[in-house]
Amino acid sequence: MAARFLWASRVASHLKISIAQRGFASVVLKDLKYAESHEWVKIDGNKATFGITDHAQDHLGDVVYVELPDLGRSVSQGESFGAVESVKATSDINSPVSGKVVEVNEVLSESPGLVNTSPYEDGWIIKVELSDAEEAKKLMDSDKYSKFCEEEDAKH
């Protein structure tokens, strides 16, 4: 078992993902920032791409609909801009940072399940032009988010 975990740790390091030793099995990418409401954000200059985390999609179950915002809409950190509907529940999507929506993932209208199968790549939800890049400092890195999820799961 120890050899398997060591191998998994090396693979995870190579793939730039974080894994936890106990119970928590969701994929958490190291180069992203995370909100307590389980959205991820990737910042590239003055632009940011975001969606819901692997942990969130796992708890939601099969996603059947994604409510997308209009282009040009302003979003504010911590406020809802859309929703994800699954076979289990409907959940608001909160903005991890503030900005103006410059692109929405229209593919999700036809293939909402991409949020489940590829939450960090094909299942991204929106891209924004940042209005305050400093807000990202309030978000968690991959290690803090993994610990946060592990503690949250332990409570339930």
N, C-alpha and C. Protein backbone atom coordinates (compact mmCIF):
# COMPACT_ATOMS: atom_id res chain seq x y z
N MET A 1 0.82 -1.20 0.00
CA MET A 1 0.00 0.00 0.00
C MET A 1 0.86 1.25 0.00
N ALA A 2 1.92 1.28 0.81
CA ALA A 2 2.79 2.45 0.86
C ALA A 2 3.46 2.69 -0.48
N ALA A 3 3.87 1.62 -1.15
CA ALA A 3 4.50 1.75 -2.47
C ALA A 3 3.52 2.33 -3.48
N ARG A 4 2.25 1.91 -3.40
CA ARG A 4 1.23 2.42 -4.32
C ARG A 4 1.00 3.91 -4.08
N PHE A 5 0.95 4.33 -2.80
CA PHE A 5 0.75 5.74 -2.51
C PHE A 5 1.95 6.57 -2.98
N LEU A 6 3.17 6.04 -2.78
CA LEU A 6 4.37 6.73 -3.24
C LEU A 6 4.31 6.91 -4.75
N TRP A 7 3.93 5.86 -5.48
CA TRP A 7 3.82 5.94 -6.92
C TRP A 7 2.76 6.98 -7.31
N ALA A 8 1.60 6.95 -6.63
CA ALA A 8 0.53 7.90 -6.91
C ALA A 8 0.98 9.33 -6.63
N SER A 9 1.76 9.53 -5.58
CA SER A 9 2.26 10.86 -5.24
C SER A 9 3.20 11.37 -6.33
N ARG A 10 4.05 10.50 -6.85
CA ARG A 10 4.96 10.90 -7.92
C ARG A 10 4.19 11.26 -9.19
N VAL A 11 3.21 10.44 -9.53
CA VAL A 11 2.39 10.72 -10.71
C VAL A 11 1.64 12.03 -10.52
N ALA A 12 1.05 12.24 -9.34
CA ALA A 12 0.32 13.47 -9.06
C ALA A 12 1.23 14.68 -9.18
N SER A 13 2.45 14.57 -8.67
CA SER A 13 3.40 15.67 -8.75
C SER A 13 3.73 15.99 -10.21
N HIS A 14 3.93 14.95 -10.99
CA HIS A 14 4.23 15.13 -12.41
C HIS A 14 3.07 15.79 -13.14
N LEU A 15 1.84 15.43 -12.78
CA LEU A 15 0.65 15.97 -13.43
C LEU A 15 0.20 17.29 -12.82
N LYS A 16 0.92 17.75 -11.81
CA LYS A 16 0.60 19.00 -11.11
C LYS A 16 -0.77 18.95 -10.45
N ILE A 17 -1.07 17.84 -9.79
CA ILE A 17 -2.29 17.74 -9.01
C ILE A 17 -1.93 17.41 -7.58
N SER A 18 -2.84 17.69 -6.70
CA SER A 18 -2.63 17.45 -5.28
C SER A 18 -3.48 16.27 -4.86
N ILE A 19 -2.91 15.36 -4.08
CA ILE A 19 -3.70 14.26 -3.53
C ILE A 19 -3.53 14.25 -2.03
N ALA A 20 -4.53 13.78 -1.35
CA ALA A 20 -4.47 13.68 0.11
C ALA A 20 -4.37 12.21 0.50
N GLN A 21 -3.77 11.96 1.64
CA GLN A 21 -3.57 10.59 2.08
C GLN A 21 -4.84 9.95 2.61
N ARG A 22 -5.74 10.74 3.18
CA ARG A 22 -6.92 10.16 3.83
C ARG A 22 -8.19 10.57 3.08
N GLY A 23 -8.97 9.60 2.67
CA GLY A 23 -10.33 9.79 2.24
C GLY A 23 -10.62 10.75 1.10
N PHE A 24 -9.98 11.88 1.02
CA PHE A 24 -10.30 12.89 0.03
C PHE A 24 -9.71 12.49 -1.31
N ALA A 25 -10.57 12.26 -2.30
CA ALA A 25 -10.10 11.69 -3.57
C ALA A 25 -10.34 12.59 -4.77
N SER A 26 -10.83 13.80 -4.59
CA SER A 26 -11.09 14.69 -5.71
C SER A 26 -9.78 15.23 -6.28
N VAL A 27 -9.82 15.55 -7.56
CA VAL A 27 -8.66 16.14 -8.23
C VAL A 27 -8.62 17.63 -7.91
N VAL A 28 -7.46 18.09 -7.48
CA VAL A 28 -7.23 19.50 -7.17
C VAL A 28 -5.95 19.91 -7.91
N LEU A 29 -6.07 20.81 -8.87
CA LEU A 29 -4.91 21.24 -9.65
C LEU A 29 -4.12 22.30 -8.90
N LYS A 30 -2.80 22.18 -8.96
CA LYS A 30 -1.93 23.07 -8.18
C LYS A 30 -1.90 24.51 -8.69
N ASP A 31 -2.12 24.73 -9.98
CA ASP A 31 -1.96 26.08 -10.52
C ASP A 31 -3.24 26.92 -10.49
N LEU A 32 -4.24 26.46 -9.76
CA LEU A 32 -5.50 27.19 -9.66
C LEU A 32 -5.71 27.72 -8.25
N LYS A 33 -6.64 28.65 -8.12
CA LYS A 33 -7.08 29.16 -6.83
C LYS A 33 -8.52 28.68 -6.62
N TYR A 34 -8.92 28.56 -5.35
CA TYR A 34 -10.21 27.96 -5.02
C TYR A 34 -10.98 28.80 -4.01
N ALA A 35 -12.31 28.83 -4.21
CA ALA A 35 -13.21 29.52 -3.27
C ALA A 35 -13.84 28.49 -2.33
N GLU A 36 -14.26 28.93 -1.16
CA GLU A 36 -14.92 28.05 -0.20
C GLU A 36 -16.22 27.48 -0.75
N SER A 37 -16.79 28.15 -1.75
CA SER A 37 -18.04 27.69 -2.35
C SER A 37 -17.78 26.71 -3.50
N HIS A 38 -16.53 26.26 -3.61
CA HIS A 38 -16.11 25.20 -4.54
C HIS A 38 -16.07 25.59 -6.01
N GLU A 39 -15.68 26.83 -6.27
CA GLU A 39 -15.35 27.24 -7.63
C GLU A 39 -13.84 27.37 -7.73
N TRP A 40 -13.33 27.12 -8.93
CA TRP A 40 -11.90 27.29 -9.19
C TRP A 40 -11.72 28.46 -10.14
N VAL A 41 -10.53 29.04 -10.11
CA VAL A 41 -10.21 30.13 -11.03
C VAL A 41 -8.76 29.99 -11.48
N LYS A 42 -8.56 30.22 -12.77
CA LYS A 42 -7.21 30.27 -13.34
C LYS A 42 -7.02 31.67 -13.89
N ILE A 43 -6.03 32.36 -13.35
CA ILE A 43 -5.77 33.74 -13.74
C ILE A 43 -4.62 33.77 -14.74
N ASP A 44 -4.85 34.49 -15.84
CA ASP A 44 -3.85 34.65 -16.90
C ASP A 44 -3.84 36.12 -17.29
N GLY A 45 -2.89 36.87 -16.70
CA GLY A 45 -2.85 38.31 -16.93
C GLY A 45 -4.06 38.97 -16.30
N ASN A 46 -4.82 39.72 -17.13
CA ASN A 46 -6.03 40.39 -16.60
C ASN A 46 -7.31 39.60 -16.92
N LYS A 47 -7.13 38.35 -17.32
CA LYS A 47 -8.28 37.48 -17.63
C LYS A 47 -8.31 36.32 -16.64
N ALA A 48 -9.51 35.80 -16.39
CA ALA A 48 -9.67 34.67 -15.49
C ALA A 48 -10.71 33.72 -16.07
N THR A 49 -10.42 32.43 -15.96
CA THR A 49 -11.36 31.38 -16.37
C THR A 49 -11.79 30.68 -15.11
N PHE A 50 -13.09 30.37 -15.01
CA PHE A 50 -13.51 29.60 -13.86
C PHE A 50 -14.67 28.67 -14.11
N GLY A 51 -14.82 27.76 -13.12
CA GLY A 51 -15.86 26.75 -13.16
C GLY A 51 -16.01 26.16 -11.77
N ILE A 52 -16.69 25.02 -11.69
CA ILE A 52 -16.83 24.36 -10.39
C ILE A 52 -15.78 23.27 -10.26
N THR A 53 -15.40 22.97 -9.05
CA THR A 53 -14.32 22.01 -8.79
C THR A 53 -14.78 20.56 -8.98
N ASP A 54 -13.80 19.70 -9.08
CA ASP A 54 -14.07 18.27 -9.16
C ASP A 54 -14.83 17.81 -7.92
N HIS A 55 -14.46 18.36 -6.78
CA HIS A 55 -15.14 18.02 -5.52
C HIS A 55 -16.62 18.40 -5.59
N ALA A 56 -16.91 19.59 -6.12
CA ALA A 56 -18.29 20.05 -6.22
C ALA A 56 -19.10 19.17 -7.18
N GLN A 57 -18.53 18.89 -8.35
CA GLN A 57 -19.28 18.09 -9.32
C GLN A 57 -19.52 16.68 -8.79
N ASP A 58 -18.56 16.15 -8.02
CA ASP A 58 -18.71 14.82 -7.45
C ASP A 58 -19.88 14.77 -6.47
N HIS A 59 -20.02 15.83 -5.67
CA HIS A 59 -21.11 15.89 -4.70
C HIS A 59 -22.46 16.16 -5.38
N LEU A 60 -22.44 16.90 -6.48
CA LEU A 60 -23.68 17.20 -7.19
C LEU A 60 -24.24 15.99 -7.93
N GLY A 61 -23.37 15.15 -8.45
CA GLY A 61 -23.83 14.05 -9.30
C GLY A 61 -23.90 14.51 -10.74
N ASP A 62 -24.59 13.75 -11.58
CA ASP A 62 -24.65 14.04 -13.02
C ASP A 62 -25.30 15.39 -13.29
N VAL A 63 -24.54 16.30 -13.91
CA VAL A 63 -25.04 17.63 -14.24
C VAL A 63 -25.89 17.53 -15.51
N VAL A 64 -27.10 18.11 -15.43
CA VAL A 64 -28.03 18.03 -16.56
C VAL A 64 -28.30 19.41 -17.18
N TYR A 65 -27.89 20.49 -16.49
CA TYR A 65 -28.14 21.83 -17.02
C TYR A 65 -27.20 22.82 -16.34
N VAL A 66 -26.68 23.76 -17.13
CA VAL A 66 -25.84 24.83 -16.59
C VAL A 66 -26.44 26.16 -17.05
N GLU A 67 -26.80 27.00 -16.08
CA GLU A 67 -27.31 28.34 -16.37
C GLU A 67 -26.12 29.27 -16.55
N LEU A 68 -25.98 29.83 -17.75
CA LEU A 68 -24.85 30.68 -18.08
C LEU A 68 -25.25 32.16 -18.07
N PRO A 69 -24.36 33.05 -17.67
CA PRO A 69 -24.67 34.49 -17.68
C PRO A 69 -24.53 35.07 -19.09
N ASP A 70 -25.04 36.27 -19.28
CA ASP A 70 -24.90 36.97 -20.55
C ASP A 70 -23.51 37.58 -20.68
N LEU A 71 -23.03 37.67 -21.91
CA LEU A 71 -21.77 38.36 -22.17
C LEU A 71 -21.91 39.81 -21.73
N GLY A 72 -20.83 40.36 -21.19
CA GLY A 72 -20.83 41.75 -20.76
C GLY A 72 -21.34 41.97 -19.34
N ARG A 73 -21.93 40.95 -18.76
CA ARG A 73 -22.44 41.07 -17.39
C ARG A 73 -21.29 41.23 -16.41
N SER A 74 -21.47 42.05 -15.41
CA SER A 74 -20.49 42.19 -14.34
C SER A 74 -20.78 41.13 -13.28
N VAL A 75 -19.71 40.51 -12.78
CA VAL A 75 -19.83 39.54 -11.69
C VAL A 75 -18.97 40.05 -10.53
N SER A 76 -19.41 39.76 -9.32
CA SER A 76 -18.70 40.21 -8.13
C SER A 76 -18.26 39.02 -7.29
N GLN A 77 -17.09 39.13 -6.70
CA GLN A 77 -16.55 38.05 -5.89
C GLN A 77 -17.55 37.63 -4.83
N GLY A 78 -17.82 36.32 -4.77
CA GLY A 78 -18.69 35.75 -3.76
C GLY A 78 -20.17 35.78 -4.11
N GLU A 79 -20.54 36.42 -5.21
CA GLU A 79 -21.95 36.52 -5.58
C GLU A 79 -22.29 35.54 -6.70
N SER A 80 -23.54 35.09 -6.72
CA SER A 80 -24.00 34.12 -7.70
C SER A 80 -24.12 34.76 -9.09
N PHE A 81 -23.71 34.01 -10.11
CA PHE A 81 -23.88 34.47 -11.49
C PHE A 81 -24.59 33.43 -12.36
N GLY A 82 -24.87 32.26 -11.81
CA GLY A 82 -25.51 31.20 -12.57
C GLY A 82 -25.81 30.03 -11.66
N ALA A 83 -26.17 28.91 -12.28
CA ALA A 83 -26.50 27.73 -11.48
C ALA A 83 -26.15 26.47 -12.25
N VAL A 84 -25.94 25.40 -11.49
CA VAL A 84 -25.70 24.08 -12.04
C VAL A 84 -26.82 23.18 -11.50
N GLU A 85 -27.51 22.53 -12.41
CA GLU A 85 -28.58 21.62 -12.01
C GLU A 85 -28.13 20.19 -12.28
N SER A 86 -28.27 19.35 -11.27
CA SER A 86 -27.88 17.95 -11.41
C SER A 86 -29.08 17.07 -11.09
N VAL A 87 -28.87 15.77 -11.19
CA VAL A 87 -29.94 14.83 -10.85
C VAL A 87 -30.24 14.88 -9.35
N LYS A 88 -29.31 15.40 -8.55
CA LYS A 88 -29.50 15.47 -7.10
C LYS A 88 -30.01 16.81 -6.60
N ALA A 89 -29.52 17.91 -7.22
CA ALA A 89 -29.79 19.24 -6.66
C ALA A 89 -29.49 20.33 -7.67
N THR A 90 -29.89 21.54 -7.32
CA THR A 90 -29.50 22.73 -8.07
C THR A 90 -28.63 23.56 -7.14
N SER A 91 -27.51 24.04 -7.66
CA SER A 91 -26.57 24.78 -6.84
C SER A 91 -26.16 26.06 -7.55
N ASP A 92 -26.12 27.16 -6.81
CA ASP A 92 -25.63 28.42 -7.37
C ASP A 92 -24.16 28.30 -7.70
N ILE A 93 -23.74 29.04 -8.72
CA ILE A 93 -22.31 29.18 -9.04
C ILE A 93 -21.93 30.59 -8.63
N ASN A 94 -20.97 30.69 -7.72
CA ASN A 94 -20.52 31.99 -7.24
C ASN A 94 -19.22 32.39 -7.93
N SER A 95 -19.06 33.67 -8.12
CA SER A 95 -17.87 34.17 -8.78
C SER A 95 -16.70 34.23 -7.79
N PRO A 96 -15.59 33.56 -8.10
CA PRO A 96 -14.43 33.62 -7.19
C PRO A 96 -13.70 34.97 -7.23
N VAL A 97 -13.89 35.72 -8.33
CA VAL A 97 -13.29 37.05 -8.48
C VAL A 97 -14.29 37.94 -9.22
N SER A 98 -14.06 39.24 -9.15
CA SER A 98 -14.94 40.21 -9.82
C SER A 98 -14.42 40.53 -11.21
N GLY A 99 -15.35 40.83 -12.10
CA GLY A 99 -14.97 41.21 -13.45
C GLY A 99 -16.15 41.27 -14.38
N LYS A 100 -15.84 41.41 -15.67
CA LYS A 100 -16.86 41.47 -16.72
C LYS A 100 -16.77 40.21 -17.56
N VAL A 101 -17.89 39.55 -17.78
CA VAL A 101 -17.93 38.32 -18.56
C VAL A 101 -17.57 38.62 -20.01
N VAL A 102 -16.50 37.97 -20.49
CA VAL A 102 -16.06 38.17 -21.88
C VAL A 102 -16.26 36.92 -22.73
N GLU A 103 -16.52 35.77 -22.09
CA GLU A 103 -16.77 34.54 -22.83
C GLU A 103 -17.54 33.57 -21.93
N VAL A 104 -18.48 32.84 -22.51
CA VAL A 104 -19.18 31.79 -21.80
C VAL A 104 -18.97 30.50 -22.58
N ASN A 105 -18.96 29.39 -21.87
CA ASN A 105 -18.76 28.09 -22.51
C ASN A 105 -20.10 27.59 -23.04
N GLU A 106 -20.44 28.02 -24.26
CA GLU A 106 -21.72 27.67 -24.88
C GLU A 106 -21.89 26.17 -25.08
N VAL A 107 -20.78 25.44 -25.15
CA VAL A 107 -20.84 23.99 -25.34
C VAL A 107 -21.62 23.33 -24.21
N LEU A 108 -21.59 23.95 -23.03
CA LEU A 108 -22.29 23.39 -21.87
C LEU A 108 -23.80 23.36 -22.06
N SER A 109 -24.33 24.21 -22.95
CA SER A 109 -25.77 24.20 -23.23
C SER A 109 -26.20 22.87 -23.83
N GLU A 110 -25.34 22.31 -24.66
CA GLU A 110 -25.63 21.03 -25.31
C GLU A 110 -25.03 19.84 -24.55
N SER A 111 -23.92 20.09 -23.85
CA SER A 111 -23.20 19.01 -23.16
C SER A 111 -22.86 19.41 -21.73
N PRO A 112 -23.88 19.56 -20.86
CA PRO A 112 -23.60 19.98 -19.48
C PRO A 112 -22.77 18.97 -18.70
N GLY A 113 -22.77 17.72 -19.13
CA GLY A 113 -22.00 16.68 -18.46
C GLY A 113 -20.50 16.91 -18.51
N LEU A 114 -20.03 17.85 -19.35
CA LEU A 114 -18.60 18.18 -19.36
C LEU A 114 -18.14 18.71 -18.01
N VAL A 115 -19.07 19.28 -17.25
CA VAL A 115 -18.74 19.75 -15.90
C VAL A 115 -18.33 18.56 -15.03
N ASN A 116 -18.92 17.39 -15.29
CA ASN A 116 -18.56 16.19 -14.54
C ASN A 116 -17.29 15.54 -15.08
N THR A 117 -17.20 15.39 -16.38
CA THR A 117 -16.10 14.63 -16.97
C THR A 117 -14.81 15.42 -17.12
N SER A 118 -14.90 16.74 -17.19
CA SER A 118 -13.71 17.57 -17.38
C SER A 118 -13.89 18.93 -16.72
N PRO A 119 -14.04 18.96 -15.38
CA PRO A 119 -14.37 20.22 -14.71
C PRO A 119 -13.32 21.32 -14.87
N TYR A 120 -12.06 20.96 -15.07
CA TYR A 120 -11.00 21.97 -15.15
C TYR A 120 -10.58 22.30 -16.57
N GLU A 121 -11.10 21.58 -17.54
CA GLU A 121 -10.70 21.85 -18.92
C GLU A 121 -11.92 22.14 -19.79
N ASP A 122 -12.55 21.12 -20.35
CA ASP A 122 -13.68 21.33 -21.24
C ASP A 122 -14.92 21.83 -20.51
N GLY A 123 -15.00 21.62 -19.20
CA GLY A 123 -16.18 22.02 -18.42
C GLY A 123 -16.06 23.39 -17.76
N TRP A 124 -15.11 24.22 -18.20
CA TRP A 124 -15.03 25.58 -17.65
C TRP A 124 -16.36 26.28 -17.94
N ILE A 125 -16.69 27.30 -17.15
CA ILE A 125 -18.02 27.92 -17.28
C ILE A 125 -17.95 29.31 -17.92
N ILE A 126 -17.13 30.21 -17.35
CA ILE A 126 -17.01 31.54 -17.95
C ILE A 126 -15.58 32.04 -17.88
N LYS A 127 -15.33 33.06 -18.69
CA LYS A 127 -14.07 33.80 -18.65
C LYS A 127 -14.44 35.26 -18.42
N VAL A 128 -13.66 35.90 -17.55
CA VAL A 128 -13.92 37.31 -17.24
C VAL A 128 -12.65 38.14 -17.41
N GLU A 129 -12.88 39.43 -17.64
CA GLU A 129 -11.81 40.41 -17.58
C GLU A 129 -11.83 40.92 -16.15
N LEU A 130 -10.71 40.74 -15.44
CA LEU A 130 -10.66 41.07 -14.02
C LEU A 130 -10.83 42.56 -13.76
N SER A 131 -11.56 42.88 -12.70
CA SER A 131 -11.66 44.27 -12.28
C SER A 131 -10.77 44.55 -11.07
N ASP A 132 -10.39 43.49 -10.34
CA ASP A 132 -9.51 43.65 -9.18
C ASP A 132 -8.70 42.38 -8.97
N ALA A 133 -7.52 42.33 -9.54
CA ALA A 133 -6.66 41.14 -9.47
C ALA A 133 -6.27 40.80 -8.04
N GLU A 134 -6.29 41.76 -7.14
CA GLU A 134 -5.93 41.53 -5.75
C GLU A 134 -6.89 40.57 -5.04
N GLU A 135 -8.11 40.45 -5.55
CA GLU A 135 -9.10 39.58 -4.92
C GLU A 135 -8.64 38.12 -4.88
N ALA A 136 -7.83 37.74 -5.84
CA ALA A 136 -7.36 36.35 -5.91
C ALA A 136 -6.57 35.96 -4.65
N LYS A 137 -5.99 36.95 -3.98
CA LYS A 137 -5.22 36.67 -2.77
C LYS A 137 -6.10 36.15 -1.63
N LYS A 138 -7.41 36.39 -1.72
CA LYS A 138 -8.35 35.93 -0.70
C LYS A 138 -8.73 34.46 -0.90
N LEU A 139 -8.35 33.88 -2.04
CA LEU A 139 -8.72 32.50 -2.37
C LEU A 139 -7.69 31.51 -1.84
N MET A 140 -8.07 30.23 -1.81
CA MET A 140 -7.19 29.17 -1.31
C MET A 140 -6.31 28.61 -2.43
N ASP A 141 -5.10 28.20 -2.05
CA ASP A 141 -4.27 27.45 -2.99
C ASP A 141 -4.70 25.99 -2.93
N SER A 142 -4.08 25.13 -3.73
CA SER A 142 -4.51 23.72 -3.82
C SER A 142 -4.38 22.98 -2.49
N ASP A 143 -3.31 23.22 -1.74
CA ASP A 143 -3.14 22.53 -0.47
C ASP A 143 -4.20 22.93 0.54
N LYS A 144 -4.47 24.23 0.64
CA LYS A 144 -5.50 24.70 1.58
C LYS A 144 -6.88 24.21 1.16
N TYR A 145 -7.13 24.18 -0.15
CA TYR A 145 -8.43 23.71 -0.61
C TYR A 145 -8.62 22.22 -0.33
N SER A 146 -7.59 21.44 -0.56
CA SER A 146 -7.67 20.00 -0.27
C SER A 146 -7.98 19.78 1.21
N LYS A 147 -7.29 20.51 2.07
CA LYS A 147 -7.52 20.39 3.52
C LYS A 147 -8.93 20.85 3.87
N PHE A 148 -9.37 21.94 3.27
CA PHE A 148 -10.72 22.46 3.48
C PHE A 148 -11.77 21.41 3.14
N CYS A 149 -11.62 20.77 1.99
CA CYS A 149 -12.58 19.75 1.54
C CYS A 149 -12.56 18.53 2.46
N GLU A 150 -11.37 18.15 2.85
CA GLU A 150 -11.24 17.00 3.74
C GLU A 150 -11.95 17.26 5.07
N GLU A 151 -11.76 18.45 5.62
CA GLU A 151 -12.41 18.83 6.88
C GLU A 151 -13.93 18.94 6.70
N GLU A 152 -14.34 19.51 5.59
CA GLU A 152 -15.77 19.65 5.31
C GLU A 152 -16.44 18.27 5.18
N ASP A 153 -15.78 17.36 4.46
CA ASP A 153 -16.33 16.01 4.29
C ASP A 153 -16.39 15.26 5.62
N ALA A 154 -15.43 15.51 6.50
CA ALA A 154 -15.40 14.83 7.79
C ALA A 154 -16.59 15.24 8.67
N LYS A 155 -17.12 16.44 8.43
CA LYS A 155 -18.26 16.95 9.20
C LYS A 155 -19.57 16.28 8.78
N HIS A 156 -19.59 15.72 7.57
CA HIS A 156 -20.84 15.17 7.03
C HIS A 156 -20.86 13.67 7.09
